[in-house]
Amino acid sequence: MPGIRDEDGRLIKPYVFESTYSQPDGIRVQVVITIPAETFWQDVQEAGEVAQMTASRALTQINGQIKAAQERVPF
């Protein structure tokens, strides 16, 4: 198994997956998933994909809300 281990072979460093999306208008979405090392499973890397999909979806949702608000009350 990958990961940083102590002298006894126990995993000591958690897996951290981050995904950040930023736009020029200042909107920034950051998702961080932290998984304790002892919770390791074979496909733990898929949590990185979850972080990316979540951040992307959040930014899409925010932009949709902004666009809808501008269409309702244009000024």
PDB file of N, CA and C in Angstrom:
ATOM      1  N   MET A   1       0.834  -1.190   0.000  1.00  0.00           N
ATOM      2  CA  MET A   1       0.000   0.000   0.000  1.00  0.00           C
ATOM      3  C   MET A   1       0.872   1.245   0.000  1.00  0.00           C
ATOM      4  N   PRO A   2       0.461   2.276  -0.743  1.00  0.00           N
ATOM      5  CA  PRO A   2       1.230   3.520  -0.745  1.00  0.00           C
ATOM      6  C   PRO A   2       0.966   4.317   0.524  1.00  0.00           C
ATOM      7  N   GLY A   3       1.735   5.357   0.712  1.00  0.00           N
ATOM      8  CA  GLY A   3       1.536   6.236   1.856  1.00  0.00           C
ATOM      9  C   GLY A   3       2.788   6.308   2.715  1.00  0.00           C
ATOM     10  N   ILE A   4       2.809   7.262   3.617  1.00  0.00           N
ATOM     11  CA  ILE A   4       3.939   7.436   4.522  1.00  0.00           C
ATOM     12  C   ILE A   4       3.674   6.603   5.766  1.00  0.00           C
ATOM     13  N   ARG A   5       4.677   5.823   6.162  1.00  0.00           N
ATOM     14  CA  ARG A   5       4.518   4.906   7.291  1.00  0.00           C
ATOM     15  C   ARG A   5       5.478   5.258   8.436  1.00  0.00           C
ATOM     16  N   ASP A   6       5.085   4.883   9.650  1.00  0.00           N
ATOM     17  CA  ASP A   6       5.975   5.047  10.792  1.00  0.00           C
ATOM     18  C   ASP A   6       6.883   3.818  10.915  1.00  0.00           C
ATOM     19  N   GLU A   7       7.669   3.745  11.996  1.00  0.00           N
ATOM     20  CA  GLU A   7       8.620   2.643  12.164  1.00  0.00           C
ATOM     21  C   GLU A   7       7.921   1.288  12.261  1.00  0.00           C
ATOM     22  N   ASP A   8       6.669   1.277  12.702  1.00  0.00           N
ATOM     23  CA  ASP A   8       5.926   0.027  12.856  1.00  0.00           C
ATOM     24  C   ASP A   8       5.145  -0.361  11.602  1.00  0.00           C
ATOM     25  N   GLY A   9       5.290   0.422  10.553  1.00  0.00           N
ATOM     26  CA  GLY A   9       4.598   0.120   9.306  1.00  0.00           C
ATOM     27  C   GLY A   9       3.191   0.671   9.214  1.00  0.00           C
ATOM     28  N   ARG A  10       2.750   1.439  10.209  1.00  0.00           N
ATOM     29  CA  ARG A  10       1.407   2.023  10.165  1.00  0.00           C
ATOM     30  C   ARG A  10       1.406   3.270   9.283  1.00  0.00           C
ATOM     31  N   LEU A  11       0.353   3.418   8.501  1.00  0.00           N
ATOM     32  CA  LEU A  11       0.212   4.623   7.692  1.00  0.00           C
ATOM     33  C   LEU A  11      -0.047   5.802   8.615  1.00  0.00           C
ATOM     34  N   ILE A  12       0.671   6.894   8.410  1.00  0.00           N
ATOM     35  CA  ILE A  12       0.526   8.040   9.312  1.00  0.00           C
ATOM     36  C   ILE A  12       0.072   9.315   8.613  1.00  0.00           C
ATOM     37  N   LYS A  13       0.144   9.343   7.314  1.00  0.00           N
ATOM     38  CA  LYS A  13      -0.234  10.570   6.620  1.00  0.00           C
ATOM     39  C   LYS A  13      -1.565  10.355   5.892  1.00  0.00           C
ATOM     40  N   PRO A  14      -2.522  11.263   6.083  1.00  0.00           N
ATOM     41  CA  PRO A  14      -3.804  11.085   5.396  1.00  0.00           C
ATOM     42  C   PRO A  14      -3.673  11.381   3.901  1.00  0.00           C
ATOM     43  N   TYR A  15      -4.614  10.860   3.162  1.00  0.00           N
ATOM     44  CA  TYR A  15      -4.715  11.185   1.741  1.00  0.00           C
ATOM     45  C   TYR A  15      -5.520  12.468   1.641  1.00  0.00           C
ATOM     46  N   VAL A  16      -5.001  13.444   0.898  1.00  0.00           N
ATOM     47  CA  VAL A  16      -5.685  14.714   0.725  1.00  0.00           C
ATOM     48  C   VAL A  16      -5.830  14.974  -0.765  1.00  0.00           C
ATOM     49  N   PHE A  17      -7.058  15.227  -1.175  1.00  0.00           N
ATOM     50  CA  PHE A  17      -7.364  15.511  -2.573  1.00  0.00           C
ATOM     51  C   PHE A  17      -7.984  16.894  -2.623  1.00  0.00           C
ATOM     52  N   GLU A  18      -7.413  17.763  -3.453  1.00  0.00           N
ATOM     53  CA  GLU A  18      -7.897  19.139  -3.567  1.00  0.00           C
ATOM     54  C   GLU A  18      -8.212  19.461  -5.011  1.00  0.00           C
ATOM     55  N   SER A  19      -9.256  20.248  -5.187  1.00  0.00           N
ATOM     56  CA  SER A  19      -9.594  20.744  -6.514  1.00  0.00           C
ATOM     57  C   SER A  19     -10.064  22.187  -6.354  1.00  0.00           C
ATOM     58  N   THR A  20      -9.480  23.084  -7.136  1.00  0.00           N
ATOM     59  CA  THR A  20      -9.821  24.501  -7.052  1.00  0.00           C
ATOM     60  C   THR A  20     -10.111  25.044  -8.445  1.00  0.00           C
ATOM     61  N   TYR A  21     -11.207  25.755  -8.552  1.00  0.00           N
ATOM     62  CA  TYR A  21     -11.556  26.443  -9.785  1.00  0.00           C
ATOM     63  C   TYR A  21     -11.672  27.925  -9.452  1.00  0.00           C
ATOM     64  N   SER A  22     -11.048  28.773 -10.277  1.00  0.00           N
ATOM     65  CA  SER A  22     -11.106  30.221 -10.086  1.00  0.00           C
ATOM     66  C   SER A  22     -11.517  30.880 -11.392  1.00  0.00           C
ATOM     67  N   GLN A  23     -12.201  31.994 -11.246  1.00  0.00           N
ATOM     68  CA  GLN A  23     -12.597  32.780 -12.412  1.00  0.00           C
ATOM     69  C   GLN A  23     -12.021  34.182 -12.280  1.00  0.00           C
ATOM     70  N   PRO A  24     -11.874  34.884 -13.405  1.00  0.00           N
ATOM     71  CA  PRO A  24     -11.341  36.253 -13.352  1.00  0.00           C
ATOM     72  C   PRO A  24     -12.204  37.216 -12.534  1.00  0.00           C
ATOM     73  N   ASP A  25     -13.510  36.926 -12.383  1.00  0.00           N
ATOM     74  CA  ASP A  25     -14.385  37.825 -11.627  1.00  0.00           C
ATOM     75  C   ASP A  25     -14.252  37.648 -10.111  1.00  0.00           C
ATOM     76  N   GLY A  26     -13.354  36.772  -9.672  1.00  0.00           N
ATOM     77  CA  GLY A  26     -13.089  36.604  -8.248  1.00  0.00           C
ATOM     78  C   GLY A  26     -13.769  35.417  -7.602  1.00  0.00           C
ATOM     79  N   ILE A  27     -14.645  34.751  -8.324  1.00  0.00           N
ATOM     80  CA  ILE A  27     -15.296  33.566  -7.751  1.00  0.00           C
ATOM     81  C   ILE A  27     -14.283  32.431  -7.726  1.00  0.00           C
ATOM     82  N   ARG A  28     -14.229  31.779  -6.571  1.00  0.00           N
ATOM     83  CA  ARG A  28     -13.282  30.682  -6.399  1.00  0.00           C
ATOM     84  C   ARG A  28     -13.982  29.568  -5.633  1.00  0.00           C
ATOM     85  N   VAL A  29     -13.886  28.363  -6.151  1.00  0.00           N
ATOM     86  CA  VAL A  29     -14.461  27.187  -5.494  1.00  0.00           C
ATOM     87  C   VAL A  29     -13.317  26.243  -5.154  1.00  0.00           C
ATOM     88  N   GLN A  30     -13.252  25.813  -3.897  1.00  0.00           N
ATOM     89  CA  GLN A  30     -12.212  24.885  -3.482  1.00  0.00           C
ATOM     90  C   GLN A  30     -12.864  23.734  -2.726  1.00  0.00           C
ATOM     91  N   VAL A  31     -12.520  22.518  -3.135  1.00  0.00           N
ATOM     92  CA  VAL A  31     -13.012  21.316  -2.474  1.00  0.00           C
ATOM     93  C   VAL A  31     -11.799  20.553  -1.953  1.00  0.00           C
ATOM     94  N   VAL A  32     -11.857  20.150  -0.697  1.00  0.00           N
ATOM     95  CA  VAL A  32     -10.784  19.360  -0.088  1.00  0.00           C
ATOM     96  C   VAL A  32     -11.409  18.108   0.525  1.00  0.00           C
ATOM     97  N   ILE A  33     -10.894  16.966   0.128  1.00  0.00           N
ATOM     98  CA  ILE A  33     -11.323  15.696   0.705  1.00  0.00           C
ATOM     99  C   ILE A  33     -10.117  15.114   1.433  1.00  0.00           C
ATOM    100  N   THR A  34     -10.278  14.847   2.723  1.00  0.00           N
ATOM    101  CA  THR A  34      -9.211  14.251   3.523  1.00  0.00           C
ATOM    102  C   THR A  34      -9.675  12.876   3.986  1.00  0.00           C
ATOM    103  N   ILE A  35      -8.857  11.876   3.706  1.00  0.00           N
ATOM    104  CA  ILE A  35      -9.183  10.503   4.081  1.00  0.00           C
ATOM    105  C   ILE A  35      -8.059   9.994   4.979  1.00  0.00           C
ATOM    106  N   PRO A  36      -8.395   9.581   6.201  1.00  0.00           N
ATOM    107  CA  PRO A  36      -7.354   9.061   7.097  1.00  0.00           C
ATOM    108  C   PRO A  36      -6.614   7.890   6.448  1.00  0.00           C
ATOM    109  N   ALA A  37      -5.331   7.819   6.691  1.00  0.00           N
ATOM    110  CA  ALA A  37      -4.503   6.784   6.064  1.00  0.00           C
ATOM    111  C   ALA A  37      -5.001   5.383   6.368  1.00  0.00           C
ATOM    112  N   GLU A  38      -5.512   5.171   7.580  1.00  0.00           N
ATOM    113  CA  GLU A  38      -5.964   3.822   7.931  1.00  0.00           C
ATOM    114  C   GLU A  38      -7.261   3.431   7.227  1.00  0.00           C
ATOM    115  N   THR A  39      -7.888   4.364   6.517  1.00  0.00           N
ATOM    116  CA  THR A  39      -9.109   4.082   5.778  1.00  0.00           C
ATOM    117  C   THR A  39      -8.801   3.751   4.320  1.00  0.00           C
ATOM    118  N   PHE A  40      -7.553   3.540   4.002  1.00  0.00           N
ATOM    119  CA  PHE A  40      -7.113   3.254   2.628  1.00  0.00           C
ATOM    120  C   PHE A  40      -7.923   2.121   1.995  1.00  0.00           C
ATOM    121  N   TRP A  41      -8.256   2.301   0.736  1.00  0.00           N
ATOM    122  CA  TRP A  41      -8.811   1.222  -0.077  1.00  0.00           C
ATOM    123  C   TRP A  41      -8.151   1.301  -1.437  1.00  0.00           C
ATOM    124  N   GLN A  42      -8.282   0.255  -2.225  1.00  0.00           N
ATOM    125  CA  GLN A  42      -7.509   0.134  -3.465  1.00  0.00           C
ATOM    126  C   GLN A  42      -7.732   1.297  -4.430  1.00  0.00           C
ATOM    127  N   ASP A  43      -8.943   1.796  -4.525  1.00  0.00           N
ATOM    128  CA  ASP A  43      -9.255   2.868  -5.468  1.00  0.00           C
ATOM    129  C   ASP A  43      -9.381   4.225  -4.791  1.00  0.00           C
ATOM    130  N   VAL A  44      -8.601   4.455  -3.742  1.00  0.00           N
ATOM    131  CA  VAL A  44      -8.689   5.706  -2.992  1.00  0.00           C
ATOM    132  C   VAL A  44      -8.453   6.918  -3.898  1.00  0.00           C
ATOM    133  N   GLN A  45      -7.699   6.756  -4.965  1.00  0.00           N
ATOM    134  CA  GLN A  45      -7.423   7.873  -5.884  1.00  0.00           C
ATOM    135  C   GLN A  45      -8.695   8.412  -6.536  1.00  0.00           C
ATOM    136  N   GLU A  46      -9.744   7.608  -6.582  1.00  0.00           N
ATOM    137  CA  GLU A  46     -10.997   8.078  -7.168  1.00  0.00           C
ATOM    138  C   GLU A  46     -11.591   9.236  -6.374  1.00  0.00           C
ATOM    139  N   ALA A  47     -11.184   9.387  -5.130  1.00  0.00           N
ATOM    140  CA  ALA A  47     -11.657  10.524  -4.338  1.00  0.00           C
ATOM    141  C   ALA A  47     -11.199  11.836  -4.975  1.00  0.00           C
ATOM    142  N   GLY A  48     -10.060  11.825  -5.671  1.00  0.00           N
ATOM    143  CA  GLY A  48      -9.604  13.013  -6.395  1.00  0.00           C
ATOM    144  C   GLY A  48     -10.567  13.395  -7.502  1.00  0.00           C
ATOM    145  N   GLU A  49     -11.109  12.398  -8.186  1.00  0.00           N
ATOM    146  CA  GLU A  49     -12.098  12.666  -9.233  1.00  0.00           C
ATOM    147  C   GLU A  49     -13.373  13.246  -8.626  1.00  0.00           C
ATOM    148  N   VAL A  50     -13.760  12.751  -7.461  1.00  0.00           N
ATOM    149  CA  VAL A  50     -14.943  13.278  -6.779  1.00  0.00           C
ATOM    150  C   VAL A  50     -14.734  14.742  -6.427  1.00  0.00           C
ATOM    151  N   ALA A  51     -13.551  15.091  -5.940  1.00  0.00           N
ATOM    152  CA  ALA A  51     -13.251  16.487  -5.605  1.00  0.00           C
ATOM    153  C   ALA A  51     -13.361  17.371  -6.842  1.00  0.00           C
ATOM    154  N   GLN A  52     -12.800  16.899  -7.952  1.00  0.00           N
ATOM    155  CA  GLN A  52     -12.833  17.687  -9.183  1.00  0.00           C
ATOM    156  C   GLN A  52     -14.262  17.861  -9.696  1.00  0.00           C
ATOM    157  N   MET A  53     -15.023  16.790  -9.702  1.00  0.00           N
ATOM    158  CA  MET A  53     -16.408  16.879 -10.184  1.00  0.00           C
ATOM    159  C   MET A  53     -17.241  17.794  -9.297  1.00  0.00           C
ATOM    160  N   THR A  54     -17.014  17.734  -8.001  1.00  0.00           N
ATOM    161  CA  THR A  54     -17.779  18.553  -7.058  1.00  0.00           C
ATOM    162  C   THR A  54     -17.464  20.035  -7.239  1.00  0.00           C
ATOM    163  N   ALA A  55     -16.198  20.368  -7.363  1.00  0.00           N
ATOM    164  CA  ALA A  55     -15.810  21.767  -7.555  1.00  0.00           C
ATOM    165  C   ALA A  55     -16.357  22.303  -8.875  1.00  0.00           C
ATOM    166  N   SER A  56     -16.261  21.507  -9.917  1.00  0.00           N
ATOM    167  CA  SER A  56     -16.770  21.925 -11.226  1.00  0.00           C
ATOM    168  C   SER A  56     -18.278  22.149 -11.179  1.00  0.00           C
ATOM    169  N   ARG A  57     -18.982  21.230 -10.553  1.00  0.00           N
ATOM    170  CA  ARG A  57     -20.445  21.342 -10.450  1.00  0.00           C
ATOM    171  C   ARG A  57     -20.833  22.571  -9.627  1.00  0.00           C
ATOM    172  N   ALA A  58     -20.125  22.830  -8.561  1.00  0.00           N
ATOM    173  CA  ALA A  58     -20.430  23.996  -7.730  1.00  0.00           C
ATOM    174  C   ALA A  58     -20.253  25.289  -8.520  1.00  0.00           C
ATOM    175  N   LEU A  59     -19.164  25.391  -9.287  1.00  0.00           N
ATOM    176  CA  LEU A  59     -18.929  26.600 -10.072  1.00  0.00           C
ATOM    177  C   LEU A  59     -20.000  26.764 -11.148  1.00  0.00           C
ATOM    178  N   THR A  60     -20.376  25.676 -11.788  1.00  0.00           N
ATOM    179  CA  THR A  60     -21.440  25.720 -12.799  1.00  0.00           C
ATOM    180  C   THR A  60     -22.748  26.196 -12.174  1.00  0.00           C
ATOM    181  N   GLN A  61     -23.057  25.683 -10.988  1.00  0.00           N
ATOM    182  CA  GLN A  61     -24.287  26.067 -10.284  1.00  0.00           C
ATOM    183  C   GLN A  61     -24.266  27.543  -9.920  1.00  0.00           C
ATOM    184  N   ILE A  62     -23.150  28.027  -9.414  1.00  0.00           N
ATOM    185  CA  ILE A  62     -23.031  29.440  -9.039  1.00  0.00           C
ATOM    186  C   ILE A  62     -23.203  30.333 -10.262  1.00  0.00           C
ATOM    187  N   ASN A  63     -22.535  29.986 -11.359  1.00  0.00           N
ATOM    188  CA  ASN A  63     -22.665  30.790 -12.580  1.00  0.00           C
ATOM    189  C   ASN A  63     -24.092  30.790 -13.094  1.00  0.00           C
ATOM    190  N   GLY A  64     -24.777  29.662 -12.979  1.00  0.00           N
ATOM    191  CA  GLY A  64     -26.181  29.591 -13.387  1.00  0.00           C
ATOM    192  C   GLY A  64     -27.056  30.492 -12.537  1.00  0.00           C
ATOM    193  N   GLN A  65     -26.791  30.524 -11.245  1.00  0.00           N
ATOM    194  CA  GLN A  65     -27.566  31.383 -10.352  1.00  0.00           C
ATOM    195  C   GLN A  65     -27.322  32.855 -10.653  1.00  0.00           C
ATOM    196  N   ILE A  66     -26.076  33.211 -10.921  1.00  0.00           N
ATOM    197  CA  ILE A  66     -25.751  34.596 -11.260  1.00  0.00           C
ATOM    198  C   ILE A  66     -26.454  35.006 -12.549  1.00  0.00           C
ATOM    199  N   LYS A  67     -26.394  34.139 -13.554  1.00  0.00           N
ATOM    200  CA  LYS A  67     -27.037  34.437 -14.847  1.00  0.00           C
ATOM    201  C   LYS A  67     -28.540  34.582 -14.667  1.00  0.00           C
ATOM    202  N   ALA A  68     -29.161  33.700 -13.905  1.00  0.00           N
ATOM    203  CA  ALA A  68     -30.609  33.779 -13.681  1.00  0.00           C
ATOM    204  C   ALA A  68     -30.982  35.069 -12.953  1.00  0.00           C
ATOM    205  N   ALA A  69     -30.184  35.454 -11.981  1.00  0.00           N
ATOM    206  CA  ALA A  69     -30.456  36.692 -11.248  1.00  0.00           C
ATOM    207  C   ALA A  69     -30.331  37.908 -12.146  1.00  0.00           C
ATOM    208  N   GLN A  70     -29.342  37.906 -13.036  1.00  0.00           N
ATOM    209  CA  GLN A  70     -29.162  39.030 -13.960  1.00  0.00           C
ATOM    210  C   GLN A  70     -30.320  39.115 -14.968  1.00  0.00           C
ATOM    211  N   GLU A  71     -30.858  37.983 -15.356  1.00  0.00           N
ATOM    212  CA  GLU A  71     -31.978  37.974 -16.299  1.00  0.00           C
ATOM    213  C   GLU A  71     -33.262  38.457 -15.636  1.00  0.00           C
ATOM    214  N   ARG A  72     -33.417  38.172 -14.346  1.00  0.00           N
ATOM    215  CA  ARG A  72     -34.613  38.616 -13.621  1.00  0.00           C
ATOM    216  C   ARG A  72     -34.574  40.121 -13.354  1.00  0.00           C
ATOM    217  N   VAL A  73     -33.435  40.614 -12.958  1.00  0.00           N
ATOM    218  CA  VAL A  73     -33.291  42.020 -12.599  1.00  0.00           C
ATOM    219  C   VAL A  73     -32.058  42.588 -13.301  1.00  0.00           C
ATOM    220  N   PRO A  74     -32.173  42.868 -14.580  1.00  0.00           N
ATOM    221  CA  PRO A  74     -31.007  43.415 -15.286  1.00  0.00           C
ATOM    222  C   PRO A  74     -30.742  44.865 -14.890  1.00  0.00           C
ATOM    223  N   PHE A  75     -29.513  45.124 -14.469  1.00  0.00           N
ATOM    224  CA  PHE A  75     -29.078  46.516 -14.189  1.00  0.00           C
ATOM    225  C   PHE A  75     -27.604  46.620 -14.217  1.00  0.00           C
TER     226      PHE A  75
END
